[in-house]
């Protein structure tokens, strides 16, 4: 295990995630896990997306706020919060971030009945990386503000 610069790695992940607009989100309840792609916007490492309040992912988040996100070689653990309608005061930050990144889509969806804004706060990010033609796993522990590199287990 080799310690990495936490802030530098965090900034790399922010830059990567800000350069994309779709991500897979996995949610679960009663030992049933489901996953789907959502369009998102980020403010630093906070994710925002909209969905109808009757969709399975929202119903599962109501019962279990722990979620996972995945994009390319990055896996993210996080906690989701249902903020409410996109134009509600509690959703203001998410609405601003989403409107800035996806203005057309935000205007189309924000007023649809049943539409809700969700915020996901990451707690842990893991990435597969290749260095000198060898594979490693980068760990970014956002709770403890620790970053390190390790060789994958051989099993």
C-alpha atoms as a PDB file:
ATOM      1  CA  UNK A   1       0.000   0.000   0.000  1.00  0.00           C
ATOM      2  CA  UNK A   2       1.281   3.456  -0.934  1.00  0.00           C
ATOM      3  CA  UNK A   3      -0.198   6.682   0.408  1.00  0.00           C
ATOM      4  CA  UNK A   4      -1.371   9.197  -2.218  1.00  0.00           C
ATOM      5  CA  UNK A   5      -2.013  12.942  -2.089  1.00  0.00           C
ATOM      6  CA  UNK A   6      -5.688  13.108  -1.047  1.00  0.00           C
ATOM      7  CA  UNK A   7      -6.411  16.571  -2.495  1.00  0.00           C
ATOM      8  CA  UNK A   8      -4.673  15.844  -5.798  1.00  0.00           C
ATOM      9  CA  UNK A   9      -6.560  12.574  -6.310  1.00  0.00           C
ATOM     10  CA  UNK A  10      -9.845  14.198  -5.263  1.00  0.00           C
ATOM     11  CA  UNK A  11      -9.340  16.969  -7.833  1.00  0.00           C
ATOM     12  CA  UNK A  12      -8.572  14.376 -10.545  1.00  0.00           C
ATOM     13  CA  UNK A  13     -11.854  12.582  -9.805  1.00  0.00           C
ATOM     14  CA  UNK A  14     -13.797  15.857  -9.786  1.00  0.00           C
ATOM     15  CA  UNK A  15     -12.363  16.811 -13.178  1.00  0.00           C
ATOM     16  CA  UNK A  16     -13.167  13.385 -14.637  1.00  0.00           C
ATOM     17  CA  UNK A  17     -16.732  13.300 -13.288  1.00  0.00           C
ATOM     18  CA  UNK A  18     -17.449  16.881 -14.379  1.00  0.00           C
ATOM     19  CA  UNK A  19     -16.431  15.937 -17.935  1.00  0.00           C
ATOM     20  CA  UNK A  20     -19.258  13.365 -18.212  1.00  0.00           C
ATOM     21  CA  UNK A  21     -23.026  13.520 -17.863  1.00  0.00           C
ATOM     22  CA  UNK A  22     -24.233   9.934 -17.417  1.00  0.00           C
ATOM     23  CA  UNK A  23     -23.479   7.401 -14.704  1.00  0.00           C
ATOM     24  CA  UNK A  24     -24.890   4.087 -13.512  1.00  0.00           C
ATOM     25  CA  UNK A  25     -26.613   4.224 -10.131  1.00  0.00           C
ATOM     26  CA  UNK A  26     -27.391   1.081  -8.164  1.00  0.00           C
ATOM     27  CA  UNK A  27     -30.029   1.134  -5.433  1.00  0.00           C
ATOM     28  CA  UNK A  28     -31.410  -1.608  -3.229  1.00  0.00           C
ATOM     29  CA  UNK A  29     -34.123  -2.593  -0.793  1.00  0.00           C
ATOM     30  CA  UNK A  30     -35.002  -5.963   0.797  1.00  0.00           C
ATOM     31  CA  UNK A  31     -31.877  -7.565  -0.747  1.00  0.00           C
ATOM     32  CA  UNK A  32     -32.995  -6.627  -4.257  1.00  0.00           C
ATOM     33  CA  UNK A  33     -30.450  -4.521  -6.156  1.00  0.00           C
ATOM     34  CA  UNK A  34     -31.292  -2.627  -9.336  1.00  0.00           C
ATOM     35  CA  UNK A  35     -29.153  -0.415 -11.555  1.00  0.00           C
ATOM     36  CA  UNK A  36     -29.762   2.056 -14.327  1.00  0.00           C
ATOM     37  CA  UNK A  37     -28.094   4.968 -16.101  1.00  0.00           C
ATOM     38  CA  UNK A  38     -28.995   8.504 -15.045  1.00  0.00           C
ATOM     39  CA  UNK A  39     -28.039  11.901 -16.412  1.00  0.00           C
ATOM     40  CA  UNK A  40     -26.314  13.878 -13.671  1.00  0.00           C
ATOM     41  CA  UNK A  41     -24.635  17.152 -12.835  1.00  0.00           C
ATOM     42  CA  UNK A  42     -21.945  17.611 -10.197  1.00  0.00           C
ATOM     43  CA  UNK A  43     -20.828  20.372  -7.881  1.00  0.00           C
ATOM     44  CA  UNK A  44     -17.374  19.209  -6.866  1.00  0.00           C
ATOM     45  CA  UNK A  45     -18.192  15.609  -5.823  1.00  0.00           C
ATOM     46  CA  UNK A  46     -21.882  16.077  -5.032  1.00  0.00           C
ATOM     47  CA  UNK A  47     -24.114  14.484  -7.680  1.00  0.00           C
ATOM     48  CA  UNK A  48     -27.582  15.720  -8.639  1.00  0.00           C
ATOM     49  CA  UNK A  49     -30.160  14.072 -10.864  1.00  0.00           C
ATOM     50  CA  UNK A  50     -33.917  14.169 -11.382  1.00  0.00           C
ATOM     51  CA  UNK A  51     -36.389  11.311 -11.538  1.00  0.00           C
ATOM     52  CA  UNK A  52     -40.085  10.657 -11.162  1.00  0.00           C
ATOM     53  CA  UNK A  53     -41.035   9.962  -7.573  1.00  0.00           C
ATOM     54  CA  UNK A  54     -42.743   6.666  -8.459  1.00  0.00           C
ATOM     55  CA  UNK A  55     -39.685   5.103 -10.143  1.00  0.00           C
ATOM     56  CA  UNK A  56     -38.069   2.083  -8.521  1.00  0.00           C
ATOM     57  CA  UNK A  57     -34.812   3.878  -7.716  1.00  0.00           C
ATOM     58  CA  UNK A  58     -36.673   6.541  -5.716  1.00  0.00           C
ATOM     59  CA  UNK A  59     -38.771   3.975  -3.867  1.00  0.00           C
ATOM     60  CA  UNK A  60     -35.595   2.055  -3.012  1.00  0.00           C
ATOM     61  CA  UNK A  61     -33.744   5.213  -1.883  1.00  0.00           C
ATOM     62  CA  UNK A  62     -36.659   6.001   0.459  1.00  0.00           C
ATOM     63  CA  UNK A  63     -36.011   2.641   2.156  1.00  0.00           C
ATOM     64  CA  UNK A  64     -32.208   2.517   1.840  1.00  0.00           C
ATOM     65  CA  UNK A  65     -30.203   5.672   1.150  1.00  0.00           C
ATOM     66  CA  UNK A  66     -26.950   3.778   0.469  1.00  0.00           C
ATOM     67  CA  UNK A  67     -26.216   3.771  -3.255  1.00  0.00           C
ATOM     68  CA  UNK A  68     -23.383   2.924  -5.625  1.00  0.00           C
ATOM     69  CA  UNK A  69     -22.346   4.768  -8.770  1.00  0.00           C
ATOM     70  CA  UNK A  70     -20.149   3.505 -11.597  1.00  0.00           C
ATOM     71  CA  UNK A  71     -18.528   5.160 -14.589  1.00  0.00           C
ATOM     72  CA  UNK A  72     -15.741   3.543 -16.634  1.00  0.00           C
ATOM     73  CA  UNK A  73     -13.095   2.323 -14.158  1.00  0.00           C
ATOM     74  CA  UNK A  74     -14.551   4.234 -11.175  1.00  0.00           C
ATOM     75  CA  UNK A  75     -16.799   2.784  -8.466  1.00  0.00           C
ATOM     76  CA  UNK A  76     -18.377   5.137  -5.920  1.00  0.00           C
ATOM     77  CA  UNK A  77     -20.170   4.445  -2.650  1.00  0.00           C
ATOM     78  CA  UNK A  78     -22.482   7.181  -1.478  1.00  0.00           C
ATOM     79  CA  UNK A  79     -25.568   8.300   0.381  1.00  0.00           C
ATOM     80  CA  UNK A  80     -28.601   9.578  -1.512  1.00  0.00           C
ATOM     81  CA  UNK A  81     -31.059  12.167  -0.299  1.00  0.00           C
ATOM     82  CA  UNK A  82     -34.383  12.928  -1.929  1.00  0.00           C
ATOM     83  CA  UNK A  83     -34.536  16.731  -1.907  1.00  0.00           C
ATOM     84  CA  UNK A  84     -38.052  17.178  -3.273  1.00  0.00           C
ATOM     85  CA  UNK A  85     -39.434  18.958  -6.306  1.00  0.00           C
ATOM     86  CA  UNK A  86     -36.714  20.511  -8.491  1.00  0.00           C
ATOM     87  CA  UNK A  87     -38.021  24.048  -7.903  1.00  0.00           C
ATOM     88  CA  UNK A  88     -38.378  23.698  -4.105  1.00  0.00           C
ATOM     89  CA  UNK A  89     -36.032  25.677  -1.850  1.00  0.00           C
ATOM     90  CA  UNK A  90     -34.350  22.489  -0.581  1.00  0.00           C
ATOM     91  CA  UNK A  91     -33.475  21.580  -4.197  1.00  0.00           C
ATOM     92  CA  UNK A  92     -32.085  25.037  -5.034  1.00  0.00           C
ATOM     93  CA  UNK A  93     -28.398  24.052  -5.189  1.00  0.00           C
ATOM     94  CA  UNK A  94     -29.144  20.913  -7.209  1.00  0.00           C
ATOM     95  CA  UNK A  95     -31.383  22.891  -9.539  1.00  0.00           C
ATOM     96  CA  UNK A  96     -28.690  25.519 -10.149  1.00  0.00           C
ATOM     97  CA  UNK A  97     -26.021  22.908 -10.824  1.00  0.00           C
ATOM     98  CA  UNK A  98     -28.296  20.869 -13.106  1.00  0.00           C
ATOM     99  CA  UNK A  99     -29.586  23.918 -14.973  1.00  0.00           C
ATOM    100  CA  UNK A 100     -26.012  25.090 -15.599  1.00  0.00           C
ATOM    101  CA  UNK A 101     -24.909  21.726 -17.033  1.00  0.00           C
ATOM    102  CA  UNK A 102     -28.185  20.683 -18.719  1.00  0.00           C
ATOM    103  CA  UNK A 103     -30.279  23.854 -19.254  1.00  0.00           C
ATOM    104  CA  UNK A 104     -32.619  22.445 -21.899  1.00  0.00           C
ATOM    105  CA  UNK A 105     -33.315  19.187 -20.063  1.00  0.00           C
ATOM    106  CA  UNK A 106     -33.799  20.977 -16.744  1.00  0.00           C
ATOM    107  CA  UNK A 107     -36.412  23.315 -18.207  1.00  0.00           C
ATOM    108  CA  UNK A 108     -38.270  20.396 -19.799  1.00  0.00           C
ATOM    109  CA  UNK A 109     -38.355  18.191 -16.704  1.00  0.00           C
ATOM    110  CA  UNK A 110     -38.373  20.539 -13.683  1.00  0.00           C
ATOM    111  CA  UNK A 111     -42.089  21.336 -13.852  1.00  0.00           C
ATOM    112  CA  UNK A 112     -43.396  17.851 -14.641  1.00  0.00           C
ATOM    113  CA  UNK A 113     -45.667  16.583 -11.843  1.00  0.00           C
ATOM    114  CA  UNK A 114     -43.948  13.943  -9.713  1.00  0.00           C
ATOM    115  CA  UNK A 115     -40.424  14.988 -10.720  1.00  0.00           C
ATOM    116  CA  UNK A 116     -37.982  14.982  -7.807  1.00  0.00           C
ATOM    117  CA  UNK A 117     -34.368  16.086  -7.264  1.00  0.00           C
ATOM    118  CA  UNK A 118     -31.876  13.685  -5.694  1.00  0.00           C
ATOM    119  CA  UNK A 119     -28.462  14.472  -4.241  1.00  0.00           C
ATOM    120  CA  UNK A 120     -25.800  11.796  -3.825  1.00  0.00           C
ATOM    121  CA  UNK A 121     -22.911  12.515  -1.489  1.00  0.00           C
ATOM    122  CA  UNK A 122     -19.985  10.169  -2.159  1.00  0.00           C
ATOM    123  CA  UNK A 123     -18.222   8.568   0.790  1.00  0.00           C
ATOM    124  CA  UNK A 124     -15.665   6.348  -0.997  1.00  0.00           C
ATOM    125  CA  UNK A 125     -14.229   6.192  -4.520  1.00  0.00           C
ATOM    126  CA  UNK A 126     -12.273   3.258  -5.913  1.00  0.00           C
ATOM    127  CA  UNK A 127     -10.579   3.271  -9.326  1.00  0.00           C
ATOM    128  CA  UNK A 128      -8.633   0.715 -11.306  1.00  0.00           C
ATOM    129  CA  UNK A 129      -5.474   2.251 -12.765  1.00  0.00           C
ATOM    130  CA  UNK A 130      -2.546   0.952 -14.783  1.00  0.00           C
ATOM    131  CA  UNK A 131       0.978   2.069 -13.883  1.00  0.00           C
ATOM    132  CA  UNK A 132       3.974   0.700 -15.798  1.00  0.00           C
ATOM    133  CA  UNK A 133       1.686  -1.891 -17.347  1.00  0.00           C
ATOM    134  CA  UNK A 134       0.602  -3.188 -13.913  1.00  0.00           C
ATOM    135  CA  UNK A 135      -2.859  -2.827 -12.411  1.00  0.00           C
ATOM    136  CA  UNK A 136      -3.529  -1.090  -9.104  1.00  0.00           C
ATOM    137  CA  UNK A 137      -6.547   0.176  -7.180  1.00  0.00           C
ATOM    138  CA  UNK A 138      -6.722   3.801  -6.103  1.00  0.00           C
ATOM    139  CA  UNK A 139      -8.725   4.379  -2.939  1.00  0.00           C
ATOM    140  CA  UNK A 140     -10.181   7.765  -2.064  1.00  0.00           C
ATOM    141  CA  UNK A 141     -11.772   7.618   1.380  1.00  0.00           C
ATOM    142  CA  UNK A 142     -13.760  10.834   1.548  1.00  0.00           C
ATOM    143  CA  UNK A 143     -14.941  10.324   5.142  1.00  0.00           C
ATOM    144  CA  UNK A 144     -11.434   9.940   6.551  1.00  0.00           C
ATOM    145  CA  UNK A 145      -9.692  12.133   3.952  1.00  0.00           C
ATOM    146  CA  UNK A 146      -7.228   9.393   3.045  1.00  0.00           C
ATOM    147  CA  UNK A 147      -5.980   8.272  -0.368  1.00  0.00           C
ATOM    148  CA  UNK A 148      -3.815   5.282  -1.171  1.00  0.00           C
ATOM    149  CA  UNK A 149      -2.790   2.893  -3.918  1.00  0.00           C
ATOM    150  CA  UNK A 150      -2.725  -0.887  -3.517  1.00  0.00           C
ATOM    151  CA  UNK A 151      -2.120  -3.980  -5.576  1.00  0.00           C
ATOM    152  CA  UNK A 152      -5.288  -5.974  -6.217  1.00  0.00           C
ATOM    153  CA  UNK A 153      -5.744  -9.212  -4.282  1.00  0.00           C
ATOM    154  CA  UNK A 154      -4.854 -12.332  -6.229  1.00  0.00           C
ATOM    155  CA  UNK A 155      -7.720 -14.724  -5.667  1.00  0.00           C
END
